[in-house]
Amino acid sequence: MNSDKQLQFTFEVLVYPVIFVLAIWIVFWLEISYGLRFTKWGVFPQKIEGLKGILFSPFIHSSLKHLFNNSIPLLVLSVSLFYFYRSIRWKVLLWGLLLTGLLTWFIGRPAWHIGASGIIYMLAAFLFFKGIFSKQYQLTALALMVVFLYGSLLWYLFPIDPEISWEGHLSGFIVGVALSLVFRKNPIEEKKYDWEKEDYNPEEDPFLKHFDENGNFIEIVPKEPETEPEQTETKQDIKIIYRFKRKEKEGE
């Protein structure tokens, strides 16, 4: 598995999550604008016709409140996935979507299960456990941020509200944990200082050159670059000669 050697915020880190969120808003707009209902394109457990919802159910929402509550966490978590886990982001997202929908189809109640909340639970679980397993401070900090922002999601893994698909939430959570174990290898290459590298030579270290063998500071005065002496023009000696001329006598 290739590692993500440098973390840089590129255009694609933001554009794909935005397209994903924008797509679910467009689907909802089509429903309210043209009086359409896409609920039957969701997951219906244990029925063949309900299998199509594995692909389409994340894009379908029952109300504006349902859509808004899913949009922000979906955007934040997917951007985090695309930024920190670039080499495996598409695998996590696509496999997570398919497996979450399939598991919901197996364990869900006989009703239509719609919404992107299963994907949100999958991303939250993956980012949290992957960050803990990595033992790297960047990813551990990300895991703690996920808990701080979305720790309350744990309550909805249980059947506390009959109108909420807790089976979809639980499916996403289980899939996220499983994917964090599958992709356990650290994707971020830890940076090493020069003195941690194997070919490090302390005698060539420009900082250590300021200290003697006893640890005393030595002020190193930089040498001025040698310049060629300027050529000066030599003045030529001017020789002045005076001549004496006798005054001629009158009549001569």
C-alpha atoms as a PDB file:
ATOM      1  CA  MET A   1       0.000   0.000   0.000  1.00  0.00           C
ATOM      2  CA  ASN A   2       1.391   3.363  -0.954  1.00  0.00           C
ATOM      3  CA  SER A   3       1.859   5.889   1.820  1.00  0.00           C
ATOM      4  CA  ASP A   4       0.814   9.516   1.703  1.00  0.00           C
ATOM      5  CA  LYS A   5       4.207  11.120   2.116  1.00  0.00           C
ATOM      6  CA  GLN A   6       3.118  14.743   2.167  1.00  0.00           C
ATOM      7  CA  LEU A   7      -0.105  16.222   3.423  1.00  0.00           C
ATOM      8  CA  GLN A   8      -1.051  19.121   1.213  1.00  0.00           C
ATOM      9  CA  PHE A   9      -4.504  20.598   0.785  1.00  0.00           C
ATOM     10  CA  THR A  10      -5.211  20.138  -2.915  1.00  0.00           C
ATOM     11  CA  PHE A  11      -8.279  20.972  -4.968  1.00  0.00           C
ATOM     12  CA  GLU A  12      -9.519  17.386  -5.169  1.00  0.00           C
ATOM     13  CA  VAL A  13      -9.552  17.053  -1.379  1.00  0.00           C
ATOM     14  CA  LEU A  14     -12.494  19.435  -1.267  1.00  0.00           C
ATOM     15  CA  VAL A  15     -14.137  19.078  -4.665  1.00  0.00           C
ATOM     16  CA  TYR A  16     -15.235  15.415  -4.423  1.00  0.00           C
ATOM     17  CA  PRO A  17     -16.860  15.720  -0.980  1.00  0.00           C
ATOM     18  CA  VAL A  18     -18.623  18.887  -2.136  1.00  0.00           C
ATOM     19  CA  ILE A  19     -19.914  17.074  -5.236  1.00  0.00           C
ATOM     20  CA  PHE A  20     -21.188  14.232  -3.037  1.00  0.00           C
ATOM     21  CA  VAL A  21     -23.083  16.620  -0.731  1.00  0.00           C
ATOM     22  CA  LEU A  22     -24.320  18.676  -3.671  1.00  0.00           C
ATOM     23  CA  ALA A  23     -25.711  15.527  -5.307  1.00  0.00           C
ATOM     24  CA  ILE A  24     -27.946  14.701  -2.347  1.00  0.00           C
ATOM     25  CA  TRP A  25     -29.253  18.278  -2.347  1.00  0.00           C
ATOM     26  CA  ILE A  26     -30.029  18.060  -6.063  1.00  0.00           C
ATOM     27  CA  VAL A  27     -31.975  14.825  -5.517  1.00  0.00           C
ATOM     28  CA  PHE A  28     -34.006  16.468  -2.761  1.00  0.00           C
ATOM     29  CA  TRP A  29     -34.617  19.533  -4.957  1.00  0.00           C
ATOM     30  CA  LEU A  30     -35.946  17.287  -7.727  1.00  0.00           C
ATOM     31  CA  GLU A  31     -38.348  15.678  -5.266  1.00  0.00           C
ATOM     32  CA  ILE A  32     -39.857  18.906  -3.980  1.00  0.00           C
ATOM     33  CA  SER A  33     -39.821  20.673  -7.365  1.00  0.00           C
ATOM     34  CA  TYR A  34     -41.534  17.972  -9.394  1.00  0.00           C
ATOM     35  CA  GLY A  35     -43.523  16.197  -6.726  1.00  0.00           C
ATOM     36  CA  LEU A  36     -41.395  13.051  -6.945  1.00  0.00           C
ATOM     37  CA  ARG A  37     -40.825  10.478  -4.233  1.00  0.00           C
ATOM     38  CA  PHE A  38     -37.651   8.415  -4.345  1.00  0.00           C
ATOM     39  CA  THR A  39     -38.274   6.575  -1.081  1.00  0.00           C
ATOM     40  CA  LYS A  40     -38.808   3.278  -2.911  1.00  0.00           C
ATOM     41  CA  TRP A  41     -35.231   3.555  -4.147  1.00  0.00           C
ATOM     42  CA  GLY A  42     -34.030   3.033  -0.604  1.00  0.00           C
ATOM     43  CA  VAL A  43     -33.008  -0.176   1.151  1.00  0.00           C
ATOM     44  CA  PHE A  44     -35.842  -2.570   1.983  1.00  0.00           C
ATOM     45  CA  PRO A  45     -34.374  -5.471   4.002  1.00  0.00           C
ATOM     46  CA  GLN A  46     -34.757  -9.072   2.850  1.00  0.00           C
ATOM     47  CA  LYS A  47     -36.445  -8.119  -0.421  1.00  0.00           C
ATOM     48  CA  ILE A  48     -34.790  -8.292  -3.827  1.00  0.00           C
ATOM     49  CA  GLU A  49     -36.302  -4.957  -4.860  1.00  0.00           C
ATOM     50  CA  GLY A  50     -34.693  -3.397  -1.807  1.00  0.00           C
ATOM     51  CA  LEU A  51     -31.162  -4.225  -2.949  1.00  0.00           C
ATOM     52  CA  LYS A  52     -31.050  -1.228  -5.280  1.00  0.00           C
ATOM     53  CA  GLY A  53     -31.094   0.975  -2.217  1.00  0.00           C
ATOM     54  CA  ILE A  54     -27.550  -0.141  -1.408  1.00  0.00           C
ATOM     55  CA  LEU A  55     -26.388   2.312  -4.087  1.00  0.00           C
ATOM     56  CA  PHE A  56     -29.150   4.920  -4.043  1.00  0.00           C
ATOM     57  CA  SER A  57     -30.345   5.226  -0.445  1.00  0.00           C
ATOM     58  CA  PRO A  58     -27.532   7.622   0.685  1.00  0.00           C
ATOM     59  CA  PHE A  59     -28.825  10.207  -1.806  1.00  0.00           C
ATOM     60  CA  ILE A  60     -32.460  10.098  -0.601  1.00  0.00           C
ATOM     61  CA  HIS A  61     -33.779  12.054   2.414  1.00  0.00           C
ATOM     62  CA  SER A  62     -37.226  12.356   3.914  1.00  0.00           C
ATOM     63  CA  SER A  63     -37.179  16.053   4.870  1.00  0.00           C
ATOM     64  CA  LEU A  64     -35.123  19.217   4.775  1.00  0.00           C
ATOM     65  CA  LYS A  65     -34.164  18.742   8.420  1.00  0.00           C
ATOM     66  CA  HIS A  66     -33.010  15.197   7.681  1.00  0.00           C
ATOM     67  CA  LEU A  67     -30.951  16.454   4.741  1.00  0.00           C
ATOM     68  CA  PHE A  68     -29.397  19.367   6.644  1.00  0.00           C
ATOM     69  CA  ASN A  69     -28.465  17.213   9.656  1.00  0.00           C
ATOM     70  CA  ASN A  70     -26.588  14.828   7.350  1.00  0.00           C
ATOM     71  CA  SER A  71     -24.926  17.386   5.063  1.00  0.00           C
ATOM     72  CA  ILE A  72     -22.501  19.050   7.477  1.00  0.00           C
ATOM     73  CA  PRO A  73     -21.067  15.909   9.127  1.00  0.00           C
ATOM     74  CA  LEU A  74     -20.901  14.191   5.740  1.00  0.00           C
ATOM     75  CA  LEU A  75     -18.869  17.080   4.320  1.00  0.00           C
ATOM     76  CA  VAL A  76     -16.531  17.363   7.325  1.00  0.00           C
ATOM     77  CA  LEU A  77     -15.859  13.629   7.620  1.00  0.00           C
ATOM     78  CA  SER A  78     -15.416  13.016   3.891  1.00  0.00           C
ATOM     79  CA  VAL A  79     -12.986  15.952   3.590  1.00  0.00           C
ATOM     80  CA  SER A  80     -11.019  14.473   6.506  1.00  0.00           C
ATOM     81  CA  LEU A  81     -10.963  11.098   4.756  1.00  0.00           C
ATOM     82  CA  PHE A  82      -9.781  12.598   1.470  1.00  0.00           C
ATOM     83  CA  TYR A  83      -7.120  14.727   3.173  1.00  0.00           C
ATOM     84  CA  PHE A  84      -5.518  12.242   5.569  1.00  0.00           C
ATOM     85  CA  TYR A  85      -6.039   8.948   3.702  1.00  0.00           C
ATOM     86  CA  ARG A  86      -5.453   9.779   0.059  1.00  0.00           C
ATOM     87  CA  SER A  87      -4.117   6.390  -0.996  1.00  0.00           C
ATOM     88  CA  ILE A  88      -7.161   4.495   0.322  1.00  0.00           C
ATOM     89  CA  ARG A  89      -9.929   7.129   0.297  1.00  0.00           C
ATOM     90  CA  TRP A  90     -11.871   5.746  -2.658  1.00  0.00           C
ATOM     91  CA  LYS A  91     -11.595   2.196  -1.366  1.00  0.00           C
ATOM     92  CA  VAL A  92     -12.925   3.231   2.026  1.00  0.00           C
ATOM     93  CA  LEU A  93     -15.736   5.321   0.585  1.00  0.00           C
ATOM     94  CA  LEU A  94     -16.953   2.841  -2.052  1.00  0.00           C
ATOM     95  CA  TRP A  95     -16.535  -0.306   0.009  1.00  0.00           C
ATOM     96  CA  GLY A  96     -18.040   1.487   2.979  1.00  0.00           C
ATOM     97  CA  LEU A  97     -21.081   2.520   0.973  1.00  0.00           C
ATOM     98  CA  LEU A  98     -21.663  -0.967  -0.442  1.00  0.00           C
ATOM     99  CA  LEU A  99     -21.067  -2.904   2.764  1.00  0.00           C
ATOM    100  CA  THR A 100     -23.112  -0.526   4.906  1.00  0.00           C
ATOM    101  CA  GLY A 101     -26.089  -0.843   2.583  1.00  0.00           C
ATOM    102  CA  LEU A 102     -25.708  -4.613   2.333  1.00  0.00           C
ATOM    103  CA  LEU A 103     -25.508  -5.084   6.103  1.00  0.00           C
ATOM    104  CA  THR A 104     -28.563  -2.854   6.563  1.00  0.00           C
ATOM    105  CA  TRP A 105     -30.388  -5.047   4.058  1.00  0.00           C
ATOM    106  CA  PHE A 106     -29.567  -8.099   6.195  1.00  0.00           C
ATOM    107  CA  ILE A 107     -30.360  -6.804   9.690  1.00  0.00           C
ATOM    108  CA  GLY A 108     -32.899  -4.015   9.082  1.00  0.00           C
ATOM    109  CA  ARG A 109     -36.571  -3.937   9.905  1.00  0.00           C
ATOM    110  CA  PRO A 110     -39.058  -4.395   7.038  1.00  0.00           C
ATOM    111  CA  ALA A 111     -39.241  -0.716   6.094  1.00  0.00           C
ATOM    112  CA  TRP A 112     -37.608   1.713   3.690  1.00  0.00           C
ATOM    113  CA  HIS A 113     -34.185   2.807   4.954  1.00  0.00           C
ATOM    114  CA  ILE A 114     -32.934   6.033   3.379  1.00  0.00           C
ATOM    115  CA  GLY A 115     -30.370   8.743   4.060  1.00  0.00           C
ATOM    116  CA  ALA A 116     -26.611   9.212   4.222  1.00  0.00           C
ATOM    117  CA  SER A 117     -26.390   8.647   7.970  1.00  0.00           C
ATOM    118  CA  GLY A 118     -25.036   5.124   7.485  1.00  0.00           C
ATOM    119  CA  ILE A 119     -22.108   6.565   5.512  1.00  0.00           C
ATOM    120  CA  ILE A 120     -21.583   9.176   8.238  1.00  0.00           C
ATOM    121  CA  TYR A 121     -21.355   6.488  10.910  1.00  0.00           C
ATOM    122  CA  MET A 122     -18.997   4.493   8.725  1.00  0.00           C
ATOM    123  CA  LEU A 123     -16.685   7.493   8.223  1.00  0.00           C
ATOM    124  CA  ALA A 124     -16.797   8.497  11.889  1.00  0.00           C
ATOM    125  CA  ALA A 125     -15.948   4.970  13.065  1.00  0.00           C
ATOM    126  CA  PHE A 126     -13.207   4.551  10.474  1.00  0.00           C
ATOM    127  CA  LEU A 127     -11.546   7.890  11.239  1.00  0.00           C
ATOM    128  CA  PHE A 128     -11.691   7.320  14.982  1.00  0.00           C
ATOM    129  CA  PHE A 129     -10.367   3.764  15.154  1.00  0.00           C
ATOM    130  CA  LYS A 130      -7.883   4.260  12.326  1.00  0.00           C
ATOM    131  CA  GLY A 131      -6.467   7.253  14.175  1.00  0.00           C
ATOM    132  CA  ILE A 132      -6.155   5.272  17.402  1.00  0.00           C
ATOM    133  CA  PHE A 133      -4.556   2.271  15.691  1.00  0.00           C
ATOM    134  CA  SER A 134      -2.048   4.448  13.810  1.00  0.00           C
ATOM    135  CA  LYS A 135      -0.356   5.791  16.980  1.00  0.00           C
ATOM    136  CA  GLN A 136       0.553   8.937  15.041  1.00  0.00           C
ATOM    137  CA  TYR A 137      -0.191  12.277  16.607  1.00  0.00           C
ATOM    138  CA  GLN A 138      -1.884  13.748  13.495  1.00  0.00           C
ATOM    139  CA  LEU A 139      -4.319  10.871  13.175  1.00  0.00           C
ATOM    140  CA  THR A 140      -4.859  10.523  16.920  1.00  0.00           C
ATOM    141  CA  ALA A 141      -5.751  14.211  17.047  1.00  0.00           C
ATOM    142  CA  LEU A 142      -8.183  13.612  14.192  1.00  0.00           C
ATOM    143  CA  ALA A 143      -9.749  10.732  16.142  1.00  0.00           C
ATOM    144  CA  LEU A 144     -10.221  12.963  19.185  1.00  0.00           C
ATOM    145  CA  MET A 145     -11.740  15.670  17.013  1.00  0.00           C
ATOM    146  CA  VAL A 146     -14.265  13.168  15.646  1.00  0.00           C
ATOM    147  CA  VAL A 147     -15.238  12.196  19.201  1.00  0.00           C
ATOM    148  CA  PHE A 148     -15.556  15.855  20.213  1.00  0.00           C
ATOM    149  CA  LEU A 149     -17.756  16.751  17.261  1.00  0.00           C
ATOM    150  CA  TYR A 150     -19.796  13.597  16.781  1.00  0.00           C
ATOM    151  CA  GLY A 151     -19.521  11.597  19.986  1.00  0.00           C
ATOM    152  CA  SER A 152     -23.256  11.981  20.528  1.00  0.00           C
ATOM    153  CA  LEU A 153     -23.859   9.787  17.476  1.00  0.00           C
ATOM    154  CA  LEU A 154     -23.347   6.744  19.676  1.00  0.00           C
ATOM    155  CA  TRP A 155     -26.826   7.170  21.156  1.00  0.00           C
ATOM    156  CA  TYR A 156     -28.406   6.526  17.775  1.00  0.00           C
ATOM    157  CA  LEU A 157     -26.785   3.120  17.414  1.00  0.00           C
ATOM    158  CA  PHE A 158     -29.660   1.840  19.555  1.00  0.00           C
ATOM    159  CA  PRO A 159     -33.430   1.748  18.879  1.00  0.00           C
ATOM    160  CA  ILE A 160     -34.334   4.893  20.828  1.00  0.00           C
ATOM    161  CA  ASP A 161     -36.505   6.385  18.076  1.00  0.00           C
ATOM    162  CA  PRO A 162     -38.733   4.201  15.851  1.00  0.00           C
ATOM    163  CA  GLU A 163     -38.498   6.722  13.001  1.00  0.00           C
ATOM    164  CA  ILE A 164     -34.682   6.524  12.872  1.00  0.00           C
ATOM    165  CA  SER A 165     -32.905   3.691  11.080  1.00  0.00           C
ATOM    166  CA  TRP A 166     -30.646   2.617  13.902  1.00  0.00           C
ATOM    167  CA  GLU A 167     -29.874  -0.497  11.846  1.00  0.00           C
ATOM    168  CA  GLY A 168     -28.288   1.696   9.173  1.00  0.00           C
ATOM    169  CA  HIS A 169     -26.289   3.531  11.832  1.00  0.00           C
ATOM    170  CA  LEU A 170     -25.112   0.298  13.416  1.00  0.00           C
ATOM    171  CA  SER A 171     -24.229  -1.151  10.005  1.00  0.00           C
ATOM    172  CA  GLY A 172     -22.127   1.888   9.139  1.00  0.00           C
ATOM    173  CA  PHE A 173     -20.382   1.780  12.500  1.00  0.00           C
ATOM    174  CA  ILE A 174     -19.512  -1.918  12.161  1.00  0.00           C
ATOM    175  CA  VAL A 175     -18.250  -1.443   8.603  1.00  0.00           C
ATOM    176  CA  GLY A 176     -16.136   1.555   9.647  1.00  0.00           C
ATOM    177  CA  VAL A 177     -14.454  -0.432  12.417  1.00  0.00           C
ATOM    178  CA  ALA A 178     -13.848  -3.342  10.041  1.00  0.00           C
ATOM    179  CA  LEU A 179     -12.277  -1.079   7.394  1.00  0.00           C
ATOM    180  CA  SER A 180     -10.006   0.518   9.997  1.00  0.00           C
ATOM    181  CA  LEU A 181      -8.680  -2.971  10.750  1.00  0.00           C
ATOM    182  CA  VAL A 182      -8.307  -3.907   7.089  1.00  0.00           C
ATOM    183  CA  PHE A 183      -6.365  -0.721   6.331  1.00  0.00           C
ATOM    184  CA  ARG A 184      -4.410  -0.703   9.583  1.00  0.00           C
ATOM    185  CA  LYS A 185      -1.087   0.195   7.965  1.00  0.00           C
ATOM    186  CA  ASN A 186      -0.075   3.785   8.639  1.00  0.00           C
ATOM    187  CA  PRO A 187      -0.620   5.889   5.513  1.00  0.00           C
ATOM    188  CA  ILE A 188       1.402   8.891   6.682  1.00  0.00           C
ATOM    189  CA  GLU A 189       5.173   8.727   6.571  1.00  0.00           C
ATOM    190  CA  GLU A 190       6.612  10.173   9.752  1.00  0.00           C
ATOM    191  CA  LYS A 191       9.049  12.992   9.170  1.00  0.00           C
ATOM    192  CA  LYS A 192      12.599  12.463  10.400  1.00  0.00           C
ATOM    193  CA  TYR A 193      15.017  15.160  11.423  1.00  0.00           C
ATOM    194  CA  ASP A 194      18.493  15.142   9.924  1.00  0.00           C
ATOM    195  CA  TRP A 195      20.008  13.860  13.167  1.00  0.00           C
ATOM    196  CA  GLU A 196      17.616  10.846  13.080  1.00  0.00           C
ATOM    197  CA  LYS A 197      18.755   9.677   9.662  1.00  0.00           C
ATOM    198  CA  GLU A 198      21.230   6.828   9.274  1.00  0.00           C
ATOM    199  CA  ASP A 199      23.651   8.802   7.104  1.00  0.00           C
ATOM    200  CA  TYR A 200      23.833  11.688   9.589  1.00  0.00           C
ATOM    201  CA  ASN A 201      27.372  13.025  10.164  1.00  0.00           C
ATOM    202  CA  PRO A 202      27.644  15.382  13.165  1.00  0.00           C
ATOM    203  CA  GLU A 203      30.900  16.849  11.858  1.00  0.00           C
ATOM    204  CA  GLU A 204      29.054  18.259   8.856  1.00  0.00           C
ATOM    205  CA  ASP A 205      26.187  19.685  10.882  1.00  0.00           C
ATOM    206  CA  PRO A 206      26.282  23.492  10.458  1.00  0.00           C
ATOM    207  CA  PHE A 207      24.696  23.984  13.892  1.00  0.00           C
ATOM    208  CA  LEU A 208      27.172  21.800  15.793  1.00  0.00           C
ATOM    209  CA  LYS A 209      30.062  23.629  14.173  1.00  0.00           C
ATOM    210  CA  HIS A 210      29.266  26.533  16.504  1.00  0.00           C
ATOM    211  CA  PHE A 211      30.373  24.459  19.521  1.00  0.00           C
ATOM    212  CA  ASP A 212      33.750  23.054  20.503  1.00  0.00           C
ATOM    213  CA  GLU A 213      34.340  19.599  21.940  1.00  0.00           C
ATOM    214  CA  ASN A 214      33.527  20.908  25.454  1.00  0.00           C
ATOM    215  CA  GLY A 215      30.216  22.386  24.398  1.00  0.00           C
ATOM    216  CA  ASN A 216      31.407  25.987  24.401  1.00  0.00           C
ATOM    217  CA  PHE A 217      29.912  28.317  21.866  1.00  0.00           C
ATOM    218  CA  ILE A 218      32.196  29.419  19.072  1.00  0.00           C
ATOM    219  CA  GLU A 219      31.341  32.506  17.134  1.00  0.00           C
ATOM    220  CA  ILE A 220      32.082  31.891  13.529  1.00  0.00           C
ATOM    221  CA  VAL A 221      32.700  35.042  11.576  1.00  0.00           C
ATOM    222  CA  PRO A 222      31.874  34.547   7.957  1.00  0.00           C
ATOM    223  CA  LYS A 223      34.729  35.184   5.626  1.00  0.00           C
ATOM    224  CA  GLU A 224      34.373  38.070   3.271  1.00  0.00           C
ATOM    225  CA  PRO A 225      34.681  37.065  -0.335  1.00  0.00           C
ATOM    226  CA  GLU A 226      37.985  37.839  -1.881  1.00  0.00           C
ATOM    227  CA  THR A 227      37.839  40.549  -4.499  1.00  0.00           C
ATOM    228  CA  GLU A 228      40.404  41.587  -6.998  1.00  0.00           C
ATOM    229  CA  PRO A 229      42.023  44.937  -6.249  1.00  0.00           C
ATOM    230  CA  GLU A 230      40.679  47.748  -8.272  1.00  0.00           C
ATOM    231  CA  GLN A 231      42.950  48.962 -10.972  1.00  0.00           C
ATOM    232  CA  THR A 232      43.778  52.653 -10.616  1.00  0.00           C
ATOM    233  CA  GLU A 233      44.792  54.785 -13.465  1.00  0.00           C
ATOM    234  CA  THR A 234      48.332  56.113 -13.176  1.00  0.00           C
ATOM    235  CA  LYS A 235      48.723  59.763 -13.894  1.00  0.00           C
ATOM    236  CA  GLN A 236      51.458  60.701 -16.327  1.00  0.00           C
ATOM    237  CA  ASP A 237      54.054  63.165 -15.074  1.00  0.00           C
ATOM    238  CA  ILE A 238      53.695  66.545 -16.715  1.00  0.00           C
ATOM    239  CA  LYS A 239      57.010  68.279 -17.376  1.00  0.00           C
ATOM    240  CA  ILE A 240      57.038  72.061 -17.676  1.00  0.00           C
ATOM    241  CA  ILE A 241      60.070  73.713 -19.336  1.00  0.00           C
ATOM    242  CA  TYR A 242      60.718  77.452 -19.030  1.00  0.00           C
ATOM    243  CA  ARG A 243      62.955  79.172 -21.646  1.00  0.00           C
ATOM    244  CA  PHE A 244      64.660  82.528 -21.102  1.00  0.00           C
ATOM    245  CA  LYS A 245      64.688  84.876 -24.057  1.00  0.00           C
ATOM    246  CA  ARG A 246      66.741  88.017 -24.029  1.00  0.00           C
ATOM    247  CA  LYS A 247      65.113  91.251 -24.965  1.00  0.00           C
ATOM    248  CA  GLU A 248      66.504  92.609 -28.291  1.00  0.00           C
ATOM    249  CA  LYS A 249      68.079  96.065 -28.275  1.00  0.00           C
ATOM    250  CA  GLU A 250      66.578  98.805 -30.315  1.00  0.00           C
ATOM    251  CA  GLY A 251      68.282  99.445 -33.599  1.00  0.00           C
ATOM    252  CA  GLU A 252      69.691  96.061 -33.881  1.00  0.00           C
END
